[in-house]
N, C-alpha and C. Protein backbone atom coordinates (compact mmCIF):
# COMPACT_ATOMS: atom_id res chain seq x y z
N MET A 1 142.77 113.71 3.92
CA MET A 1 144.12 113.92 4.84
C MET A 1 145.27 113.10 4.15
N VAL A 2 146.44 113.18 4.38
CA VAL A 2 147.66 112.63 3.91
C VAL A 2 148.60 112.84 4.87
N ALA A 3 149.04 111.56 5.39
CA ALA A 3 150.23 111.94 6.50
C ALA A 3 151.57 111.18 5.71
N ASN A 4 152.60 111.48 6.07
CA ASN A 4 153.85 111.02 5.59
C ASN A 4 154.65 110.26 6.74
N HIS A 5 154.64 108.79 6.28
CA HIS A 5 155.12 107.97 7.23
C HIS A 5 156.36 107.32 6.68
N GLY A 6 157.60 107.97 6.76
CA GLY A 6 158.89 107.48 6.54
C GLY A 6 158.93 107.65 4.73
N SER A 7 159.25 106.48 4.24
CA SER A 7 159.47 106.70 2.55
C SER A 7 158.26 106.76 1.74
N GLY A 8 157.17 106.40 2.29
CA GLY A 8 155.63 106.57 1.34
C GLY A 8 154.80 107.31 2.26
N LEU A 9 153.53 107.43 1.35
CA LEU A 9 152.19 108.19 1.88
C LEU A 9 151.61 107.05 2.13
N GLN A 10 150.61 107.57 3.02
CA GLN A 10 149.47 106.94 3.51
C GLN A 10 148.40 107.62 4.02
N ARG A 11 147.26 107.11 3.69
CA ARG A 11 145.96 107.94 3.75
C ARG A 11 145.61 107.61 5.21
N SER A 12 145.32 108.49 6.00
CA SER A 12 144.72 108.38 7.48
C SER A 12 143.25 108.05 7.44
N ARG A 13 142.50 107.41 8.40
CA ARG A 13 141.26 106.90 8.29
C ARG A 13 140.41 108.28 8.52
N PRO A 14 139.45 108.28 7.65
CA PRO A 14 138.25 109.15 8.27
C PRO A 14 137.70 109.05 9.45
N LEU A 15 137.02 110.00 9.95
CA LEU A 15 136.36 109.59 11.64
C LEU A 15 135.39 108.49 10.98
N ASP A 16 135.20 107.56 12.01
CA ASP A 16 134.36 106.77 11.97
C ASP A 16 133.51 106.02 13.42
N ARG A 17 133.00 105.19 13.13
CA ARG A 17 132.15 104.74 14.46
C ARG A 17 133.25 104.01 15.65
N THR A 18 134.53 104.08 15.42
CA THR A 18 135.20 103.66 16.67
C THR A 18 135.96 104.53 17.46
N LEU A 19 135.44 105.90 17.23
CA LEU A 19 136.00 106.99 17.98
C LEU A 19 135.53 107.03 19.48
N SER A 20 136.41 107.29 20.32
CA SER A 20 136.16 107.19 21.76
C SER A 20 135.39 108.65 22.02
N ALA A 21 134.96 108.70 23.32
CA ALA A 21 133.99 109.63 23.73
C ALA A 21 134.91 111.10 23.65
N VAL A 22 136.33 111.04 24.22
CA VAL A 22 137.44 112.11 23.82
C VAL A 22 137.29 112.48 22.27
N GLY A 23 137.23 111.34 21.44
CA GLY A 23 137.45 111.52 20.07
C GLY A 23 136.41 112.17 19.32
N TYR A 24 135.29 112.02 20.07
CA TYR A 24 133.86 112.66 19.48
C TYR A 24 134.16 114.41 19.88
N TRP A 25 134.54 114.42 21.64
CA TRP A 25 134.50 115.76 21.82
C TRP A 25 135.50 116.52 20.82
N LEU A 26 136.89 116.01 20.62
CA LEU A 26 137.62 116.53 19.95
C LEU A 26 137.41 116.99 18.44
N ALA A 27 136.64 115.90 17.78
CA ALA A 27 136.00 115.98 16.54
C ALA A 27 134.92 117.40 16.64
N ALA A 28 134.19 117.20 17.56
CA ALA A 28 133.45 118.56 17.55
C ALA A 28 134.01 119.76 17.83
N TYR A 29 134.83 119.75 18.55
CA TYR A 29 135.84 121.02 18.87
C TYR A 29 136.46 121.29 17.44
N LEU A 30 137.00 120.53 16.76
CA LEU A 30 137.56 121.08 15.70
C LEU A 30 136.56 121.23 14.44
N GLY A 31 135.24 120.99 14.51
CA GLY A 31 134.17 120.91 13.44
C GLY A 31 134.50 119.95 12.56
N LYS A 32 134.63 118.70 12.98
CA LYS A 32 134.83 117.71 12.25
C LYS A 32 133.86 116.57 12.49
N LEU A 33 132.77 116.62 13.22
CA LEU A 33 132.13 115.54 13.75
C LEU A 33 131.23 115.10 12.46
N PRO A 34 131.14 113.78 12.47
CA PRO A 34 130.32 113.11 11.55
C PRO A 34 128.73 114.15 11.41
N ILE A 35 128.44 113.98 9.80
CA ILE A 35 127.08 114.39 9.88
C ILE A 35 125.89 113.69 10.72
N GLY A 36 124.93 114.26 11.16
CA GLY A 36 124.04 113.71 12.06
C GLY A 36 124.31 113.42 13.37
N LEU A 37 125.43 114.00 14.07
CA LEU A 37 125.47 113.88 15.24
C LEU A 37 125.88 115.28 15.67
N LEU A 38 125.20 115.74 17.08
CA LEU A 38 125.54 117.04 17.57
C LEU A 38 125.73 117.07 18.96
N PRO A 39 127.02 117.52 19.52
CA PRO A 39 126.90 117.77 20.90
C PRO A 39 125.83 118.47 21.53
N VAL A 40 125.53 117.71 22.84
CA VAL A 40 124.27 118.26 23.40
C VAL A 40 124.43 119.76 24.11
N GLU A 41 125.83 119.94 23.98
CA GLU A 41 126.10 121.45 24.55
C GLU A 41 125.76 122.35 23.31
N ASP A 42 125.96 121.89 22.12
CA ASP A 42 125.43 122.59 20.97
C ASP A 42 124.17 122.69 20.87
N LEU A 43 123.56 121.76 21.07
CA LEU A 43 122.11 121.76 20.89
C LEU A 43 121.54 122.81 21.99
N TRP A 44 122.15 122.52 23.02
CA TRP A 44 121.50 123.84 23.99
C TRP A 44 121.76 125.10 23.54
N LYS A 45 122.98 125.64 22.88
CA LYS A 45 123.16 126.77 22.70
C LYS A 45 122.24 127.32 21.44
N GLU A 46 121.89 126.48 20.68
CA GLU A 46 120.88 126.56 19.65
C GLU A 46 119.64 127.10 20.06
N TRP A 47 119.01 125.92 21.03
CA TRP A 47 117.65 125.97 21.61
C TRP A 47 117.47 127.12 22.41
N ARG A 48 118.48 127.28 23.05
CA ARG A 48 117.96 128.85 23.91
C ARG A 48 117.86 130.03 23.55
N GLN A 49 118.54 129.97 22.17
CA GLN A 49 118.21 131.21 21.27
C GLN A 49 116.89 131.08 20.79
N ALA A 50 116.10 130.27 20.53
CA ALA A 50 115.03 130.26 19.72
C ALA A 50 113.80 131.17 20.43
N THR A 51 113.77 131.78 21.73
CA THR A 51 113.02 133.00 22.05
C THR A 51 113.73 134.20 21.73
N GLU A 52 112.76 135.06 21.99
CA GLU A 52 113.16 136.53 21.93
C GLU A 52 114.24 136.93 23.14
N TRP A 53 114.12 136.36 24.43
CA TRP A 53 115.35 136.62 25.27
C TRP A 53 115.95 135.13 25.44
N PRO A 54 116.96 134.85 25.39
CA PRO A 54 117.48 133.49 25.63
C PRO A 54 117.18 132.89 26.85
N ILE A 55 116.88 131.63 26.97
CA ILE A 55 116.47 130.88 27.87
C ILE A 55 117.75 130.44 28.94
N ASN A 56 117.78 130.26 29.95
CA ASN A 56 119.07 129.86 31.05
C ASN A 56 118.65 128.61 31.45
N THR A 57 119.38 127.96 32.20
CA THR A 57 119.27 126.40 32.82
C THR A 57 118.47 126.87 34.01
N GLU A 58 118.38 127.85 34.62
CA GLU A 58 117.30 127.92 35.95
C GLU A 58 116.07 127.93 35.44
N ILE A 59 115.82 128.46 34.50
CA ILE A 59 114.59 128.63 33.98
C ILE A 59 114.15 127.07 33.58
N VAL A 60 114.96 126.55 32.82
CA VAL A 60 114.58 124.96 32.49
C VAL A 60 114.21 124.10 33.74
N LEU A 61 115.21 124.10 34.62
CA LEU A 61 115.15 123.31 35.87
C LEU A 61 114.14 123.95 37.05
N ALA A 62 113.50 125.07 36.93
CA ALA A 62 112.48 125.58 37.75
C ALA A 62 111.19 124.65 38.04
N GLY A 63 111.33 124.02 39.20
CA GLY A 63 110.16 123.46 39.73
C GLY A 63 110.56 121.99 39.46
N ARG A 64 111.84 121.34 38.96
CA ARG A 64 112.17 120.20 38.58
C ARG A 64 113.27 119.69 39.32
N ASP A 65 113.59 120.17 40.28
CA ASP A 65 114.61 119.84 41.12
C ASP A 65 114.65 118.02 41.30
N ASP A 66 113.55 117.46 41.47
CA ASP A 66 113.66 116.02 41.64
C ASP A 66 114.03 115.43 40.50
N GLU A 67 113.47 115.73 39.50
CA GLU A 67 113.61 115.42 37.91
C GLU A 67 115.27 115.27 37.69
N ALA A 68 115.80 116.53 37.94
CA ALA A 68 117.16 116.64 37.57
C ALA A 68 118.02 115.95 38.48
N ILE A 69 117.84 115.64 39.87
CA ILE A 69 118.47 114.66 40.76
C ILE A 69 118.29 113.50 40.10
N ASN A 70 117.23 112.81 39.68
CA ASN A 70 116.89 111.51 39.04
C ASN A 70 117.72 111.17 37.88
N THR A 71 117.90 112.32 37.05
CA THR A 71 118.91 112.30 35.79
C THR A 71 120.00 112.18 36.16
N LEU A 72 120.66 112.96 37.02
CA LEU A 72 122.25 112.72 37.48
C LEU A 72 122.21 111.65 38.05
N THR A 73 121.23 110.93 38.92
CA THR A 73 121.51 109.54 39.51
C THR A 73 121.60 108.55 38.30
N TRP A 74 120.70 108.55 37.28
CA TRP A 74 120.74 107.93 36.33
C TRP A 74 122.35 107.68 35.43
N LEU A 75 122.73 108.98 35.16
CA LEU A 75 124.11 108.93 34.70
C LEU A 75 124.91 108.26 35.39
N ARG A 76 124.99 108.69 36.70
CA ARG A 76 126.01 107.74 37.74
C ARG A 76 125.69 106.16 37.59
N GLY A 77 124.66 105.60 37.29
CA GLY A 77 124.23 104.16 37.39
C GLY A 77 124.88 103.45 36.06
N GLU A 78 124.43 102.18 36.14
CA GLU A 78 124.67 101.35 34.87
C GLU A 78 123.98 101.82 33.67
N PRO A 79 124.44 101.75 32.69
CA PRO A 79 123.99 101.96 31.50
C PRO A 79 122.53 101.37 31.09
N SER A 80 121.70 102.46 30.88
CA SER A 80 120.15 102.07 30.78
C SER A 80 119.48 103.05 29.78
N VAL A 81 118.18 102.89 29.52
CA VAL A 81 117.51 104.19 28.75
C VAL A 81 116.57 104.77 29.97
N ARG A 82 116.61 105.99 29.31
CA ARG A 82 115.84 106.90 30.02
C ARG A 82 114.88 107.60 29.20
N THR A 83 113.87 107.54 29.40
CA THR A 83 112.64 108.31 28.70
C THR A 83 111.93 109.32 29.10
N VAL A 84 112.22 110.55 28.60
CA VAL A 84 111.58 111.68 29.22
C VAL A 84 110.98 112.38 28.10
N GLN A 85 109.74 112.91 28.74
CA GLN A 85 108.70 113.80 27.97
C GLN A 85 108.77 115.33 28.43
N ALA A 86 108.54 116.12 27.54
CA ALA A 86 108.46 117.53 27.74
C ALA A 86 107.41 118.21 26.82
N ASP A 87 107.24 119.44 26.84
CA ASP A 87 106.51 120.13 25.74
C ASP A 87 106.82 119.85 24.34
N SER A 88 108.16 119.57 24.07
CA SER A 88 108.67 119.39 22.83
C SER A 88 109.96 118.46 22.96
N PRO A 89 110.41 117.48 21.87
CA PRO A 89 111.69 116.51 22.26
C PRO A 89 112.72 117.52 22.75
N GLU A 90 112.61 118.68 21.79
CA GLU A 90 114.05 119.76 22.27
C GLU A 90 113.93 120.14 23.66
N GLU A 91 112.88 120.44 24.14
CA GLU A 91 112.73 121.07 25.60
C GLU A 91 113.39 119.67 26.30
N ALA A 92 113.08 118.46 26.18
CA ALA A 92 113.33 117.05 26.78
C ALA A 92 114.98 117.48 26.83
N MET A 93 115.40 117.63 25.71
CA MET A 93 117.08 117.40 25.39
C MET A 93 117.51 118.34 26.10
N ALA A 94 117.18 119.57 25.93
CA ALA A 94 117.73 121.06 27.09
C ALA A 94 117.62 120.64 28.63
N PHE A 95 116.68 119.91 28.95
CA PHE A 95 116.49 119.60 30.18
C PHE A 95 117.60 118.84 30.59
N LEU A 96 118.23 117.94 29.78
CA LEU A 96 119.24 116.99 29.89
C LEU A 96 120.71 117.72 30.15
N TYR A 97 120.80 118.79 29.45
CA TYR A 97 121.96 119.66 29.24
C TYR A 97 121.89 120.37 30.78
N ALA A 98 120.76 121.00 30.93
CA ALA A 98 120.62 121.81 32.40
C ALA A 98 121.03 120.98 33.45
N SER A 99 120.17 119.95 33.25
CA SER A 99 120.64 118.70 34.48
C SER A 99 122.52 118.61 34.83
N ILE A 100 122.82 118.24 33.83
CA ILE A 100 124.32 118.36 33.85
C ILE A 100 125.14 119.46 34.20
N ASP A 101 124.62 120.62 33.65
CA ASP A 101 125.16 122.05 33.72
C ASP A 101 125.39 122.45 35.15
N ILE A 102 124.41 121.98 36.10
CA ILE A 102 124.67 122.17 37.45
C ILE A 102 125.86 121.45 38.21
N LEU A 103 126.39 120.65 37.87
CA LEU A 103 127.61 119.90 38.27
C LEU A 103 128.85 120.88 38.10
N PRO A 104 129.56 120.48 39.34
CA PRO A 104 130.63 121.49 39.22
C PRO A 104 131.62 120.47 38.32
N GLU A 105 132.83 121.49 37.73
CA GLU A 105 133.90 120.94 36.91
C GLU A 105 134.64 119.85 37.94
N PRO A 106 135.20 119.12 37.43
CA PRO A 106 135.18 118.47 36.03
C PRO A 106 134.21 117.28 35.71
N HIS A 107 133.33 117.15 36.60
CA HIS A 107 132.07 116.31 36.51
C HIS A 107 131.22 116.87 35.23
N ARG A 108 130.96 118.34 35.30
CA ARG A 108 130.00 118.67 34.18
C ARG A 108 130.67 118.38 32.75
N GLN A 109 131.98 118.74 32.70
CA GLN A 109 132.68 118.16 31.53
C GLN A 109 132.62 116.90 31.04
N PHE A 110 133.06 116.11 32.06
CA PHE A 110 133.00 114.62 31.84
C PHE A 110 131.75 114.10 31.03
N TYR A 111 130.77 114.61 31.64
CA TYR A 111 129.40 114.43 31.17
C TYR A 111 129.04 114.77 29.86
N LEU A 112 129.31 116.02 29.49
CA LEU A 112 128.91 116.71 28.41
C LEU A 112 129.83 116.23 27.35
N MET A 113 131.03 116.00 27.61
CA MET A 113 131.87 115.47 26.32
C MET A 113 131.51 114.09 25.64
N ARG A 114 130.78 113.35 26.56
CA ARG A 114 130.18 112.10 26.16
C ARG A 114 128.93 112.07 25.75
N SER A 115 128.22 113.32 25.67
CA SER A 115 126.83 113.31 25.41
C SER A 115 126.38 113.78 23.86
N LEU A 116 125.80 112.91 23.09
CA LEU A 116 125.67 113.26 21.64
C LEU A 116 124.07 112.95 21.17
N ARG A 117 123.49 114.08 20.43
CA ARG A 117 122.46 114.17 19.89
C ARG A 117 122.47 113.25 18.46
N ALA A 118 121.96 111.95 18.11
CA ALA A 118 122.01 111.42 17.02
C ALA A 118 120.41 111.50 16.23
N PHE A 119 120.48 112.22 15.11
CA PHE A 119 119.28 112.61 14.46
C PHE A 119 118.50 111.53 13.68
N THR A 120 119.21 110.15 13.60
CA THR A 120 118.47 109.29 12.84
C THR A 120 118.84 108.17 13.43
N VAL A 121 118.13 107.09 13.12
CA VAL A 121 118.50 105.64 13.42
C VAL A 121 119.96 105.29 13.18
N GLU A 122 120.04 105.38 11.89
CA GLU A 122 121.42 105.05 11.39
C GLU A 122 122.85 105.88 12.10
N ASP A 123 122.65 107.16 12.60
CA ASP A 123 123.42 107.72 13.42
C ASP A 123 123.78 107.04 14.53
N ALA A 124 122.55 106.73 15.04
CA ALA A 124 122.51 105.93 16.57
C ALA A 124 123.34 104.73 16.35
N ARG A 125 123.05 104.11 15.29
CA ARG A 125 123.66 102.68 15.32
C ARG A 125 125.29 102.83 14.97
N GLN A 126 125.66 104.02 14.43
CA GLN A 126 127.06 104.19 14.31
C GLN A 126 127.91 104.34 15.95
N LEU A 127 127.01 105.08 16.60
CA LEU A 127 127.83 105.36 17.83
C LEU A 127 127.59 103.96 18.63
N SER A 128 126.87 102.77 18.54
CA SER A 128 126.94 101.72 19.18
C SER A 128 128.24 101.06 19.65
N ASP A 129 129.05 101.31 18.41
CA ASP A 129 130.45 100.39 18.77
C ASP A 129 131.49 101.30 19.27
N SER A 130 131.00 102.38 19.69
CA SER A 130 132.11 103.33 20.41
C SER A 130 132.77 102.69 21.34
N PRO A 131 134.23 102.46 21.52
CA PRO A 131 134.99 101.85 22.50
C PRO A 131 134.63 102.63 24.01
N SER A 132 134.14 103.72 24.01
CA SER A 132 133.99 104.38 25.32
C SER A 132 132.59 104.60 25.69
N PRO A 133 132.07 104.71 26.75
CA PRO A 133 130.56 104.70 26.97
C PRO A 133 130.25 106.05 26.73
N LEU A 134 129.14 106.45 26.06
CA LEU A 134 128.32 107.56 25.29
C LEU A 134 127.25 107.84 26.21
N ILE A 135 126.97 108.95 26.02
CA ILE A 135 125.45 109.47 26.31
C ILE A 135 124.52 109.79 25.15
N VAL A 136 123.94 108.84 24.52
CA VAL A 136 123.36 108.90 23.28
C VAL A 136 121.68 109.53 23.46
N VAL A 137 121.59 110.60 22.79
CA VAL A 137 120.09 111.29 22.86
C VAL A 137 119.52 111.16 21.75
N LEU A 138 118.46 110.47 21.70
CA LEU A 138 117.47 110.21 20.40
C LEU A 138 115.96 111.21 20.81
N GLU A 139 115.43 111.41 19.61
CA GLU A 139 114.15 111.70 19.60
C GLU A 139 113.39 110.63 19.24
N SER A 140 112.70 110.10 20.00
CA SER A 140 111.87 108.46 19.99
C SER A 140 113.12 107.58 19.57
N SER A 141 112.53 106.56 19.07
CA SER A 141 113.45 105.28 18.97
C SER A 141 112.85 104.28 18.23
N GLU A 142 113.57 103.52 17.35
CA GLU A 142 113.19 102.48 16.67
C GLU A 142 112.96 101.29 17.88
N PRO A 143 112.20 100.45 17.79
CA PRO A 143 111.99 99.43 18.88
C PRO A 143 113.09 98.85 18.97
N GLY A 144 113.75 98.44 20.16
CA GLY A 144 114.95 97.75 20.24
C GLY A 144 116.11 98.25 20.21
N LEU A 145 116.10 99.46 19.65
CA LEU A 145 117.80 100.28 19.38
C LEU A 145 118.18 100.84 20.63
N ALA A 146 117.22 101.60 21.48
CA ALA A 146 117.58 102.11 22.38
C ALA A 146 118.28 101.04 23.55
N SER A 147 117.41 100.13 23.62
CA SER A 147 118.29 98.80 24.44
C SER A 147 119.36 98.18 24.07
N ARG A 148 119.64 98.20 22.99
CA ARG A 148 120.97 97.40 22.26
C ARG A 148 121.87 98.71 22.49
N LEU A 149 121.68 99.81 22.58
CA LEU A 149 122.78 100.60 22.73
C LEU A 149 123.19 100.77 24.26
N ALA A 150 122.26 100.74 25.09
CA ALA A 150 122.37 100.39 26.60
C ALA A 150 123.18 99.37 26.63
N GLN A 151 122.59 97.95 26.00
CA GLN A 151 123.34 96.97 26.34
C GLN A 151 124.90 97.00 25.76
N LYS A 152 125.14 97.55 24.88
CA LYS A 152 126.67 97.85 24.37
C LYS A 152 127.32 99.07 25.19
N GLY A 153 126.60 99.20 26.37
CA GLY A 153 127.56 100.30 27.43
C GLY A 153 127.19 101.65 27.38
N HIS A 154 126.18 102.25 26.72
CA HIS A 154 125.77 103.50 26.69
C HIS A 154 124.42 103.75 27.32
N HIS A 155 124.48 105.09 27.99
CA HIS A 155 123.15 105.49 28.47
C HIS A 155 122.76 106.39 27.24
N VAL A 156 121.22 106.06 27.30
CA VAL A 156 120.44 106.31 25.99
C VAL A 156 119.33 107.32 26.82
N TYR A 157 119.23 108.35 26.17
CA TYR A 157 118.20 109.33 26.57
C TYR A 157 117.11 109.59 25.42
N VAL A 158 116.02 109.10 25.57
CA VAL A 158 115.02 109.19 24.57
C VAL A 158 114.15 110.35 25.05
N ALA A 159 114.17 111.26 24.17
CA ALA A 159 113.49 112.50 24.25
C ALA A 159 112.12 112.71 23.59
N HIS A 160 110.81 112.82 24.04
CA HIS A 160 109.74 112.94 23.55
C HIS A 160 109.04 114.22 23.67
N GLY A 161 108.19 114.65 22.98
CA GLY A 161 107.44 115.85 22.95
C GLY A 161 105.79 115.46 23.53
N SER A 162 105.13 116.67 23.96
CA SER A 162 103.73 116.40 24.58
C SER A 162 102.82 115.65 22.95
N SER A 163 102.01 114.71 23.38
CA SER A 163 101.28 114.35 22.58
C SER A 163 100.02 115.03 22.29
N ILE A 164 99.58 116.24 23.22
CA ILE A 164 98.57 117.07 23.03
C ILE A 164 99.06 118.03 22.10
N GLU A 165 98.12 118.27 21.06
CA GLU A 165 98.38 119.44 20.14
C GLU A 165 97.80 120.69 20.79
N SER A 166 98.43 121.95 20.44
CA SER A 166 97.99 123.09 21.04
C SER A 166 96.70 123.46 20.06
N PRO A 167 95.70 124.24 20.64
CA PRO A 167 94.43 124.51 19.93
C PRO A 167 94.91 125.77 18.65
N ARG A 168 94.24 125.64 17.73
CA ARG A 168 94.72 126.68 16.62
C ARG A 168 93.85 127.43 16.50
């Protein structure tokens, strides 16, 4: 991308790790989000379609009211790490979306536009220097990484699947 500034041409900077939460939201909206990152709302849209009949947030939250309230309380608190286990990491991530989705606007959008799934350790590290606080969603984590992200002002949601394997 090239921008014309007065008498000369100047290259604009590509998306980098200094984007704000609004910058990440806008990049996702424009389809320009860096590879390795996915908005939690997009993760939800894909996950809910994985069954014959699409799953809704009411099903994900059924019987989990206390856990949803605890998740929302965590989001309102100081940056920290929250570890969640479900049948699969994807279900744990869907639970985060469902918990946020019950909020009224503009609170719902406030949290969703800050929520990003990082697919690799390197992707998560890129987010650490974001100038505005994010909700970083990880599937497991390297020791110390989640804590480091929280120390840098981000809420870190670490999703785990069940360690019990299904019978074959």
